[in-house]
Protein backbone atom coordinates (compact mmCIF):
# COMPACT_ATOMS: atom_id res chain seq x y z
CA MET A 1 26.08 -28.49 9.47
CA ARG A 2 26.95 -25.93 6.84
CA ILE A 3 24.26 -23.50 5.75
CA GLU A 4 24.34 -22.28 2.20
CA ARG A 5 23.55 -18.61 1.62
CA ILE A 6 20.65 -18.05 -0.74
CA ILE A 7 21.16 -15.21 -3.16
CA PRO A 8 17.87 -13.44 -3.82
CA SER A 9 16.75 -13.62 -7.39
CA VAL A 10 15.08 -10.82 -9.27
CA ASP A 11 11.88 -11.55 -11.11
CA ALA A 12 12.34 -10.73 -14.80
CA ALA A 13 8.89 -9.12 -14.98
CA GLU A 14 9.71 -6.87 -12.03
CA SER A 15 13.01 -5.75 -13.52
CA GLN A 16 11.30 -4.64 -16.75
CA ASP A 17 8.70 -2.51 -14.97
CA ILE A 18 11.04 -0.53 -12.72
CA ASP A 19 13.13 2.39 -13.93
CA LEU A 20 15.72 2.71 -11.17
CA LEU A 21 17.04 5.93 -12.66
CA LEU A 22 13.98 7.64 -11.20
CA ILE A 23 15.22 7.10 -7.64
CA GLU A 24 18.79 8.30 -8.19
CA PRO A 25 18.05 11.90 -7.07
CA VAL A 26 16.51 10.59 -3.84
CA LEU A 27 19.48 8.32 -3.17
CA LYS A 28 22.08 10.98 -3.96
CA LYS A 29 20.37 13.38 -1.55
CA TYR A 30 20.94 10.98 1.36
CA ILE A 31 24.40 9.58 0.66
CA GLY A 32 26.41 9.68 3.88
CA TYR A 33 23.46 10.53 6.14
CA LYS A 34 22.69 8.32 9.12
CA GLY A 35 19.01 7.72 9.65
CA ALA A 36 18.23 8.14 5.96
CA THR A 37 16.37 4.87 5.58
CA ILE A 38 12.87 6.18 6.24
CA PRO A 39 13.11 9.28 4.03
CA VAL A 40 14.69 7.19 1.26
CA LEU A 41 11.88 4.63 1.45
CA GLN A 42 9.31 7.44 1.49
CA GLY A 43 10.93 8.98 -1.58
CA ILE A 44 10.95 5.66 -3.42
CA GLN A 45 7.32 5.03 -2.54
CA ASN A 46 6.35 8.52 -3.71
CA ILE A 47 7.86 7.69 -7.10
CA PHE A 48 6.48 4.18 -7.66
CA GLY A 49 3.48 4.08 -5.31
CA TYR A 50 5.20 1.24 -3.44
CA VAL A 51 8.75 0.15 -2.61
CA PRO A 52 9.93 -2.28 -5.29
CA ARG A 53 12.41 -4.94 -4.27
CA LEU A 54 14.89 -3.75 -6.90
CA ALA A 55 14.78 -0.26 -5.41
CA ILE A 56 15.73 -1.67 -2.01
CA PHE A 57 18.73 -3.40 -3.57
CA ARG A 58 19.75 -0.20 -5.38
CA ALA A 59 19.35 1.91 -2.23
CA ALA A 60 21.51 -0.52 -0.29
CA GLN A 61 24.17 -0.36 -2.97
CA VAL A 62 24.26 3.44 -3.28
CA LEU A 63 23.93 4.17 0.45
CA ASN A 64 26.37 1.41 1.42
CA MET A 65 23.78 -0.25 3.64
CA ASN A 66 22.69 -3.80 4.29
CA VAL A 67 19.66 -4.89 2.26
CA ALA A 68 18.26 -6.62 5.34
CA ASP A 69 18.39 -3.38 7.34
CA ILE A 70 16.43 -1.47 4.69
CA TYR A 71 13.98 -4.32 4.27
CA GLY A 72 13.55 -4.50 8.03
CA VAL A 73 12.49 -0.86 8.17
CA ALA A 74 10.21 -1.25 5.14
CA THR A 75 8.41 -4.21 6.70
CA PHE A 76 8.25 -2.74 10.21
CA TYR A 77 6.36 0.43 9.32
CA ALA A 78 2.82 0.08 7.98
CA GLN A 79 3.24 3.17 5.78
CA PHE A 80 5.45 1.26 3.35
CA ARG A 81 4.00 -1.00 0.69
CA LEU A 82 6.08 -3.73 -0.91
CA ALA A 83 3.60 -4.47 -3.69
CA PRO A 84 1.77 -2.25 -6.15
CA VAL A 85 -1.56 -0.87 -5.00
CA GLY A 86 -4.69 0.05 -6.88
CA LYS A 87 -5.51 3.47 -8.24
CA HIS A 88 -8.14 3.78 -5.50
CA ILE A 89 -7.27 2.61 -1.99
CA ILE A 90 -10.35 1.74 0.04
CA LYS A 91 -9.65 2.03 3.77
CA VAL A 92 -12.35 0.54 5.95
CA CYS A 93 -12.14 1.62 9.58
CA HIS A 94 -12.23 -1.19 12.13
CA GLY A 95 -11.66 0.95 15.22
CA THR A 96 -13.89 0.46 18.23
CA ALA A 97 -16.75 2.74 17.15
CA CYS A 98 -16.81 1.30 13.63
CA HIS A 99 -16.40 -2.25 14.89
CA VAL A 100 -19.49 -2.03 17.10
CA GLN A 101 -21.40 -0.48 14.17
CA ASN A 102 -20.56 -3.58 12.08
CA ALA A 103 -17.58 -2.48 10.00
CA THR A 104 -17.04 -6.16 9.22
CA ALA A 105 -20.18 -6.10 7.08
CA ILE A 106 -18.70 -3.20 5.09
CA SER A 107 -15.44 -5.05 4.45
CA GLU A 108 -17.20 -8.28 3.56
CA ALA A 109 -19.56 -6.56 1.13
CA ILE A 110 -16.68 -4.84 -0.65
CA GLU A 111 -14.64 -8.05 -0.70
CA GLU A 112 -17.56 -9.86 -2.32
CA ALA A 113 -18.26 -7.06 -4.83
CA LEU A 114 -14.62 -6.71 -5.89
CA GLU A 115 -13.78 -10.40 -5.50
CA ILE A 116 -10.69 -9.66 -3.41
CA ASN A 117 -9.68 -10.11 0.22
CA ASP A 118 -8.47 -7.52 2.67
CA GLY A 119 -5.02 -6.29 1.63
CA GLU A 120 -5.45 -7.32 -2.00
CA THR A 121 -5.73 -5.38 -5.23
CA THR A 122 -8.20 -6.05 -8.02
CA PRO A 123 -6.65 -7.68 -11.10
CA ASP A 124 -7.33 -4.52 -13.14
CA GLY A 125 -5.32 -2.45 -10.64
CA MET A 126 -8.28 -0.21 -9.90
CA PHE A 127 -8.90 -0.91 -6.18
CA THR A 128 -6.96 -2.00 -3.12
CA LEU A 129 -8.89 -2.89 0.03
CA GLU A 130 -7.37 -2.24 3.45
CA SER A 131 -8.71 -2.60 6.97
CA VAL A 132 -7.31 0.15 9.18
CA ALA A 133 -7.30 0.63 12.95
CA CYS A 134 -8.93 4.07 13.03
CA LEU A 135 -9.77 6.88 10.64
CA GLY A 136 -10.70 9.32 13.41
CA CYS A 137 -14.30 9.79 12.26
CA CYS A 138 -16.01 7.96 15.10
CA SER A 139 -19.21 10.03 14.94
CA LEU A 140 -19.71 8.79 11.36
CA ALA A 141 -19.21 5.09 12.16
CA PRO A 142 -18.94 2.86 10.26
CA VAL A 143 -16.59 4.74 7.96
CA MET A 144 -14.43 4.16 4.90
CA MET A 145 -12.10 6.41 2.96
CA ILE A 146 -11.34 6.20 -0.72
CA GLY A 147 -8.47 8.49 -1.51
CA ASP A 148 -9.18 11.74 0.32
CA ASP A 149 -12.95 11.20 0.44
CA THR A 150 -14.61 10.00 3.65
CA PHE A 151 -17.91 8.11 3.64
CA GLY A 152 -19.82 7.52 6.86
CA LYS A 153 -22.92 5.89 8.31
CA LEU A 154 -22.39 3.06 5.84
CA THR A 155 -24.07 -0.24 5.24
CA GLY A 156 -22.60 -2.99 3.10
CA LYS A 157 -24.98 -2.01 0.32
CA SER A 158 -24.15 1.72 0.44
CA ALA A 159 -20.40 1.00 0.50
CA VAL A 160 -20.67 -1.20 -2.60
CA LYS A 161 -22.73 1.48 -4.34
CA ILE A 162 -19.95 4.03 -3.72
CA VAL A 163 -17.36 1.64 -5.16
CA ASN A 164 -19.58 0.91 -8.17
CA ASP A 165 -20.07 4.65 -8.77
CA ILE A 166 -16.29 5.06 -8.88
CA LYS A 167 -16.07 2.16 -11.35
CA MET A 168 -18.63 3.86 -13.60
CA LYS A 169 -16.78 7.18 -13.50
CA GLU A 170 -13.53 5.41 -14.40
CA LYS A 171 -15.16 3.76 -17.42
CA GLN A 172 -16.29 7.18 -18.69
CA LEU A 173 -12.75 8.56 -18.59
């Protein structure tokens, strides 16, 4: 049986939103370096907030690498995002201390309030919800972080109030 190779297509909407010229300095810095994949992906993500598919193709081209190798690294490490994220990333801790203090109720309340599931972004691009393994604030369990701010001793109601307060501040800007 002969298997036909599928050439990846590029979404027209994606190609219009991405200015690949922005990543050229990052790529040029790492030309010829072995082990450059992670710093290149970090640089790309710092520019766009995530690693666009087109940027992976461009990095492979400039660095003379296989697209699959770059994509493999990008999907292996949790630090890399392959889709745009919201302006505010809500990280709800689900480590042991938070889990036993009912972190699930926090996540569920936020999911209901924002009408998204874990790992999704609101349609307006304002919030992304993520469950994380541990935030290292066990004495404050259950805990969530929004940006650099940590909120502890939460209930579902108090977590939603914090999110709603951020919404209100955003509307005033």
